[in-house]
Amino acid sequence: MRFKSWPRWLRDTCSVVGAMSLVLIGYDLFVATHVVWWQVPLQIIVAFIAVGLWSRYSYQRQAAQQKKAQLAQQQAELAAQQRLAGQQQARATRERNRQRNQQHRQVQERTQHDD
């Protein structure tokens, strides 16, 4: 499986834990005076679990926020379309009423002239 096909949170976790592991091993090799070497793999595993859980939570939360924002945008677009359709319908209704009233006035004028 290729590294690029992994989920983003897992790739980020591997990158961070890999860098942290190099720093930890470098510190243990060059700075530390008494190193318990059997704990180093355990520390790396614990770091991988901790960073992985946090990274996954963070990406899920970010994805949920993006989905919520996208849904709000879609609702806003739908509301704008409905508002536009309502305005067009109101305009058509006003035009129909205006024509009806004009025809009604013409009929009344004709009947008044005929009398």
N, C-alpha and C. Protein backbone atom coordinates (compact mmCIF):
# COMPACT_ATOMS: atom_id res chain seq x y z
N MET A 1 0.85 -1.17 0.00
CA MET A 1 0.00 0.00 0.00
C MET A 1 0.89 1.23 0.00
N ARG A 2 0.54 2.17 -0.83
CA ARG A 2 1.34 3.38 -0.95
C ARG A 2 1.03 4.35 0.18
N PHE A 3 2.05 5.09 0.59
CA PHE A 3 1.92 6.05 1.69
C PHE A 3 0.91 7.13 1.35
N LYS A 4 0.83 7.55 0.08
CA LYS A 4 -0.09 8.61 -0.33
C LYS A 4 -1.55 8.18 -0.25
N SER A 5 -1.80 6.87 -0.29
CA SER A 5 -3.19 6.41 -0.25
C SER A 5 -3.70 6.26 1.18
N TRP A 6 -2.84 6.43 2.15
CA TRP A 6 -3.26 6.36 3.56
C TRP A 6 -4.09 7.58 3.90
N PRO A 7 -4.95 7.48 4.91
CA PRO A 7 -5.70 8.67 5.35
C PRO A 7 -4.73 9.76 5.82
N ARG A 8 -5.14 10.99 5.64
CA ARG A 8 -4.29 12.13 5.97
C ARG A 8 -3.86 12.11 7.44
N TRP A 9 -4.78 11.79 8.33
CA TRP A 9 -4.45 11.80 9.76
C TRP A 9 -3.38 10.76 10.09
N LEU A 10 -3.40 9.62 9.39
CA LEU A 10 -2.42 8.57 9.64
C LEU A 10 -1.04 8.96 9.09
N ARG A 11 -1.03 9.59 7.92
CA ARG A 11 0.24 10.07 7.37
C ARG A 11 0.87 11.12 8.28
N ASP A 12 0.05 12.04 8.77
CA ASP A 12 0.56 13.08 9.67
C ASP A 12 1.08 12.46 10.97
N THR A 13 0.34 11.47 11.48
CA THR A 13 0.77 10.79 12.71
C THR A 13 2.12 10.12 12.51
N CYS A 14 2.28 9.40 11.40
CA CYS A 14 3.56 8.73 11.14
C CYS A 14 4.69 9.75 11.01
N SER A 15 4.44 10.86 10.37
CA SER A 15 5.48 11.88 10.21
C SER A 15 5.89 12.45 11.56
N VAL A 16 4.91 12.81 12.38
CA VAL A 16 5.20 13.41 13.68
C VAL A 16 5.89 12.41 14.60
N VAL A 17 5.37 11.20 14.68
CA VAL A 17 5.97 10.19 15.57
C VAL A 17 7.36 9.79 15.07
N GLY A 18 7.54 9.74 13.76
CA GLY A 18 8.86 9.44 13.21
C GLY A 18 9.88 10.49 13.62
N ALA A 19 9.51 11.76 13.50
CA ALA A 19 10.42 12.83 13.91
C ALA A 19 10.66 12.79 15.42
N MET A 20 9.60 12.56 16.19
CA MET A 20 9.76 12.49 17.64
C MET A 20 10.67 11.31 18.04
N SER A 21 10.55 10.20 17.32
CA SER A 21 11.37 9.03 17.62
C SER A 21 12.84 9.30 17.34
N LEU A 22 13.12 9.98 16.24
CA LEU A 22 14.51 10.34 15.93
C LEU A 22 15.10 11.25 17.01
N VAL A 23 14.31 12.22 17.44
CA VAL A 23 14.78 13.12 18.50
C VAL A 23 15.00 12.33 19.80
N LEU A 24 14.08 11.45 20.15
CA LEU A 24 14.20 10.65 21.36
C LEU A 24 15.45 9.77 21.33
N ILE A 25 15.67 9.07 20.22
CA ILE A 25 16.84 8.19 20.10
C ILE A 25 18.13 9.02 20.11
N GLY A 26 18.13 10.15 19.41
CA GLY A 26 19.31 11.03 19.42
C GLY A 26 19.62 11.52 20.82
N TYR A 27 18.59 11.92 21.54
CA TYR A 27 18.78 12.37 22.92
C TYR A 27 19.34 11.24 23.78
N ASP A 28 18.74 10.05 23.64
CA ASP A 28 19.21 8.91 24.43
C ASP A 28 20.65 8.54 24.10
N LEU A 29 21.04 8.66 22.84
CA LEU A 29 22.40 8.29 22.43
C LEU A 29 23.44 9.32 22.88
N PHE A 30 23.14 10.58 22.75
CA PHE A 30 24.17 11.61 22.93
C PHE A 30 24.08 12.40 24.23
N VAL A 31 22.91 12.48 24.84
CA VAL A 31 22.76 13.35 26.00
C VAL A 31 22.51 12.56 27.28
N ALA A 32 21.62 11.60 27.21
CA ALA A 32 21.22 10.88 28.42
C ALA A 32 22.39 10.05 28.97
N THR A 33 22.47 9.99 30.30
CA THR A 33 23.55 9.23 30.94
C THR A 33 23.13 7.80 31.24
N HIS A 34 21.88 7.61 31.61
CA HIS A 34 21.40 6.26 31.92
C HIS A 34 20.12 6.02 31.12
N VAL A 35 20.21 5.18 30.10
CA VAL A 35 19.07 4.94 29.22
C VAL A 35 18.58 3.52 29.43
N VAL A 36 17.28 3.39 29.59
CA VAL A 36 16.65 2.07 29.67
C VAL A 36 16.12 1.78 28.27
N TRP A 37 16.91 1.02 27.49
CA TRP A 37 16.63 0.85 26.07
C TRP A 37 15.37 0.05 25.79
N TRP A 38 14.92 -0.78 26.68
CA TRP A 38 13.70 -1.54 26.42
C TRP A 38 12.46 -0.65 26.48
N GLN A 39 12.61 0.54 27.09
CA GLN A 39 11.48 1.47 27.16
C GLN A 39 11.31 2.31 25.90
N VAL A 40 12.37 2.43 25.12
CA VAL A 40 12.31 3.27 23.91
C VAL A 40 11.22 2.80 22.94
N PRO A 41 11.16 1.52 22.57
CA PRO A 41 10.07 1.10 21.68
C PRO A 41 8.69 1.31 22.31
N LEU A 42 8.60 1.10 23.60
CA LEU A 42 7.33 1.32 24.31
C LEU A 42 6.93 2.80 24.25
N GLN A 43 7.90 3.68 24.42
CA GLN A 43 7.62 5.11 24.35
C GLN A 43 7.16 5.51 22.94
N ILE A 44 7.78 4.91 21.93
CA ILE A 44 7.39 5.22 20.54
C ILE A 44 5.97 4.72 20.27
N ILE A 45 5.64 3.53 20.75
CA ILE A 45 4.29 2.98 20.55
C ILE A 45 3.25 3.84 21.26
N VAL A 46 3.55 4.23 22.50
CA VAL A 46 2.62 5.09 23.25
C VAL A 46 2.46 6.43 22.54
N ALA A 47 3.55 6.97 22.03
CA ALA A 47 3.48 8.24 21.29
C ALA A 47 2.64 8.06 20.03
N PHE A 48 2.83 6.96 19.33
CA PHE A 48 2.04 6.71 18.11
C PHE A 48 0.56 6.64 18.44
N ILE A 49 0.21 5.95 19.50
CA ILE A 49 -1.21 5.82 19.89
C ILE A 49 -1.77 7.19 20.28
N ALA A 50 -1.05 7.91 21.11
CA ALA A 50 -1.55 9.21 21.59
C ALA A 50 -1.70 10.20 20.44
N VAL A 51 -0.66 10.34 19.62
CA VAL A 51 -0.72 11.29 18.51
C VAL A 51 -1.76 10.83 17.48
N GLY A 52 -1.84 9.52 17.25
CA GLY A 52 -2.82 9.01 16.29
C GLY A 52 -4.25 9.28 16.71
N LEU A 53 -4.54 9.05 17.98
CA LEU A 53 -5.91 9.33 18.47
C LEU A 53 -6.24 10.81 18.36
N TRP A 54 -5.30 11.64 18.76
CA TRP A 54 -5.54 13.09 18.69
C TRP A 54 -5.70 13.54 17.24
N SER A 55 -4.85 13.05 16.37
CA SER A 55 -4.90 13.45 14.97
C SER A 55 -6.21 13.01 14.33
N ARG A 56 -6.63 11.78 14.59
CA ARG A 56 -7.89 11.29 14.03
C ARG A 56 -9.07 12.12 14.54
N TYR A 57 -9.09 12.39 15.83
CA TYR A 57 -10.15 13.22 16.41
C TYR A 57 -10.18 14.60 15.76
N SER A 58 -9.01 15.17 15.62
CA SER A 58 -8.91 16.50 15.04
C SER A 58 -9.41 16.54 13.60
N TYR A 59 -9.02 15.54 12.79
CA TYR A 59 -9.46 15.51 11.40
C TYR A 59 -10.95 15.21 11.28
N GLN A 60 -11.48 14.36 12.15
CA GLN A 60 -12.92 14.09 12.12
C GLN A 60 -13.70 15.34 12.48
N ARG A 61 -13.22 16.06 13.46
CA ARG A 61 -13.89 17.30 13.87
C ARG A 61 -13.83 18.34 12.76
N GLN A 62 -12.68 18.44 12.12
CA GLN A 62 -12.54 19.38 11.01
C GLN A 62 -13.46 18.99 9.86
N ALA A 63 -13.54 17.70 9.55
CA ALA A 63 -14.42 17.23 8.48
C ALA A 63 -15.88 17.51 8.82
N ALA A 64 -16.25 17.34 10.07
CA ALA A 64 -17.63 17.63 10.49
C ALA A 64 -17.94 19.11 10.35
N GLN A 65 -16.99 19.96 10.69
CA GLN A 65 -17.20 21.40 10.54
C GLN A 65 -17.32 21.79 9.08
N GLN A 66 -16.50 21.19 8.22
CA GLN A 66 -16.59 21.47 6.79
C GLN A 66 -17.92 21.01 6.22
N LYS A 67 -18.37 19.84 6.67
CA LYS A 67 -19.66 19.33 6.21
C LYS A 67 -20.80 20.24 6.66
N LYS A 68 -20.70 20.72 7.90
CA LYS A 68 -21.71 21.62 8.43
C LYS A 68 -21.72 22.94 7.66
N ALA A 69 -20.54 23.46 7.34
CA ALA A 69 -20.45 24.70 6.57
C ALA A 69 -20.99 24.51 5.16
N GLN A 70 -20.70 23.35 4.55
CA GLN A 70 -21.20 23.07 3.22
C GLN A 70 -22.73 22.96 3.23
N LEU A 71 -23.27 22.31 4.26
CA LEU A 71 -24.72 22.19 4.38
C LEU A 71 -25.37 23.56 4.55
N ALA A 72 -24.76 24.41 5.36
CA ALA A 72 -25.29 25.77 5.56
C ALA A 72 -25.25 26.55 4.25
N GLN A 73 -24.18 26.38 3.47
CA GLN A 73 -24.09 27.07 2.20
C GLN A 73 -25.17 26.57 1.24
N GLN A 74 -25.39 25.26 1.20
CA GLN A 74 -26.43 24.71 0.34
C GLN A 74 -27.81 25.22 0.74
N GLN A 75 -28.05 25.30 2.06
CA GLN A 75 -29.33 25.81 2.54
C GLN A 75 -29.50 27.27 2.17
N ALA A 76 -28.42 28.04 2.26
CA ALA A 76 -28.48 29.46 1.90
C ALA A 76 -28.78 29.60 0.41
N GLU A 77 -28.14 28.78 -0.42
CA GLU A 77 -28.40 28.82 -1.86
C GLU A 77 -29.84 28.44 -2.16
N LEU A 78 -30.34 27.41 -1.47
CA LEU A 78 -31.72 26.99 -1.67
C LEU A 78 -32.69 28.09 -1.25
N ALA A 79 -32.40 28.74 -0.13
CA ALA A 79 -33.26 29.84 0.32
C ALA A 79 -33.24 30.99 -0.68
N ALA A 80 -32.07 31.28 -1.25
CA ALA A 80 -31.98 32.34 -2.24
C ALA A 80 -32.77 31.97 -3.49
N GLN A 81 -32.69 30.71 -3.91
CA GLN A 81 -33.47 30.27 -5.07
C GLN A 81 -34.96 30.36 -4.80
N GLN A 82 -35.37 29.95 -3.60
CA GLN A 82 -36.79 30.02 -3.25
C GLN A 82 -37.26 31.47 -3.18
N ARG A 83 -36.41 32.34 -2.64
CA ARG A 83 -36.76 33.76 -2.57
C ARG A 83 -36.91 34.33 -3.98
N LEU A 84 -36.00 33.97 -4.88
CA LEU A 84 -36.07 34.44 -6.26
C LEU A 84 -37.33 33.91 -6.94
N ALA A 85 -37.64 32.63 -6.72
CA ALA A 85 -38.85 32.05 -7.31
C ALA A 85 -40.09 32.75 -6.76
N GLY A 86 -40.08 33.05 -5.47
CA GLY A 86 -41.20 33.76 -4.86
C GLY A 86 -41.36 35.16 -5.45
N GLN A 87 -40.25 35.83 -5.67
CA GLN A 87 -40.31 37.16 -6.27
C GLN A 87 -40.86 37.11 -7.69
N GLN A 88 -40.42 36.09 -8.45
CA GLN A 88 -40.91 35.94 -9.82
C GLN A 88 -42.40 35.62 -9.83
N GLN A 89 -42.83 34.79 -8.90
CA GLN A 89 -44.25 34.45 -8.83
C GLN A 89 -45.06 35.68 -8.42
N ALA A 90 -44.54 36.45 -7.47
CA ALA A 90 -45.25 37.66 -7.06
C ALA A 90 -45.33 38.65 -8.22
N ARG A 91 -44.26 38.76 -8.98
CA ARG A 91 -44.26 39.66 -10.14
C ARG A 91 -45.29 39.20 -11.17
N ALA A 92 -45.36 37.89 -11.40
CA ALA A 92 -46.35 37.37 -12.35
C ALA A 92 -47.76 37.59 -11.84
N THR A 93 -47.97 37.40 -10.55
CA THR A 93 -49.30 37.62 -9.96
C THR A 93 -49.71 39.09 -10.08
N ARG A 94 -48.77 40.00 -9.79
CA ARG A 94 -49.07 41.43 -9.92
C ARG A 94 -49.43 41.78 -11.36
N GLU A 95 -48.68 41.20 -12.30
CA GLU A 95 -48.96 41.48 -13.72
C GLU A 95 -50.32 40.95 -14.12
N ARG A 96 -50.67 39.73 -13.67
CA ARG A 96 -52.00 39.17 -13.95
C ARG A 96 -53.10 40.04 -13.35
N ASN A 97 -52.90 40.45 -12.11
CA ASN A 97 -53.90 41.30 -11.45
C ASN A 97 -54.04 42.65 -12.16
N ARG A 98 -52.91 43.20 -12.59
CA ARG A 98 -52.95 44.48 -13.30
C ARG A 98 -53.73 44.33 -14.60
N GLN A 99 -53.45 43.26 -15.34
CA GLN A 99 -54.18 43.04 -16.60
C GLN A 99 -55.66 42.80 -16.34
N ARG A 100 -55.97 42.02 -15.31
CA ARG A 100 -57.37 41.76 -14.98
C ARG A 100 -58.08 43.06 -14.62
N ASN A 101 -57.43 43.86 -13.79
CA ASN A 101 -58.04 45.14 -13.39
C ASN A 101 -58.21 46.07 -14.59
N GLN A 102 -57.22 46.05 -15.47
CA GLN A 102 -57.32 46.90 -16.66
C GLN A 102 -58.48 46.45 -17.54
N GLN A 103 -58.62 45.13 -17.73
CA GLN A 103 -59.74 44.62 -18.53
C GLN A 103 -61.07 44.94 -17.85
N HIS A 104 -61.11 44.84 -16.52
CA HIS A 104 -62.33 45.14 -15.79
C HIS A 104 -62.71 46.61 -15.98
N ARG A 105 -61.71 47.49 -15.92
CA ARG A 105 -61.98 48.91 -16.13
C ARG A 105 -62.48 49.18 -17.55
N GLN A 106 -61.88 48.50 -18.52
CA GLN A 106 -62.31 48.69 -19.90
C GLN A 106 -63.75 48.24 -20.09
N VAL A 107 -64.10 47.12 -19.44
CA VAL A 107 -65.48 46.63 -19.53
C VAL A 107 -66.42 47.64 -18.88
N GLN A 108 -66.04 48.19 -17.74
CA GLN A 108 -66.88 49.17 -17.06
C GLN A 108 -67.02 50.44 -17.90
N GLU A 109 -65.95 50.86 -18.53
CA GLU A 109 -66.00 52.06 -19.37
C GLU A 109 -66.93 51.83 -20.55
N ARG A 110 -66.87 50.65 -21.15
CA ARG A 110 -67.74 50.34 -22.27
C ARG A 110 -69.20 50.35 -21.85
N THR A 111 -69.47 49.76 -20.66
CA THR A 111 -70.86 49.71 -20.22
C THR A 111 -71.36 51.12 -19.86
N GLN A 112 -70.46 51.96 -19.38
CA GLN A 112 -70.87 53.33 -19.06
C GLN A 112 -71.12 54.12 -20.33
N HIS A 113 -70.32 53.87 -21.35
CA HIS A 113 -70.51 54.58 -22.61
C HIS A 113 -71.75 54.09 -23.33
N ASP A 114 -72.08 52.82 -23.16
CA ASP A 114 -73.25 52.26 -23.80
C ASP A 114 -74.53 52.77 -23.15
N ASP A 115 -74.47 53.15 -21.87
CA ASP A 115 -75.68 53.61 -21.17
C ASP A 115 -76.04 54.98 -21.56
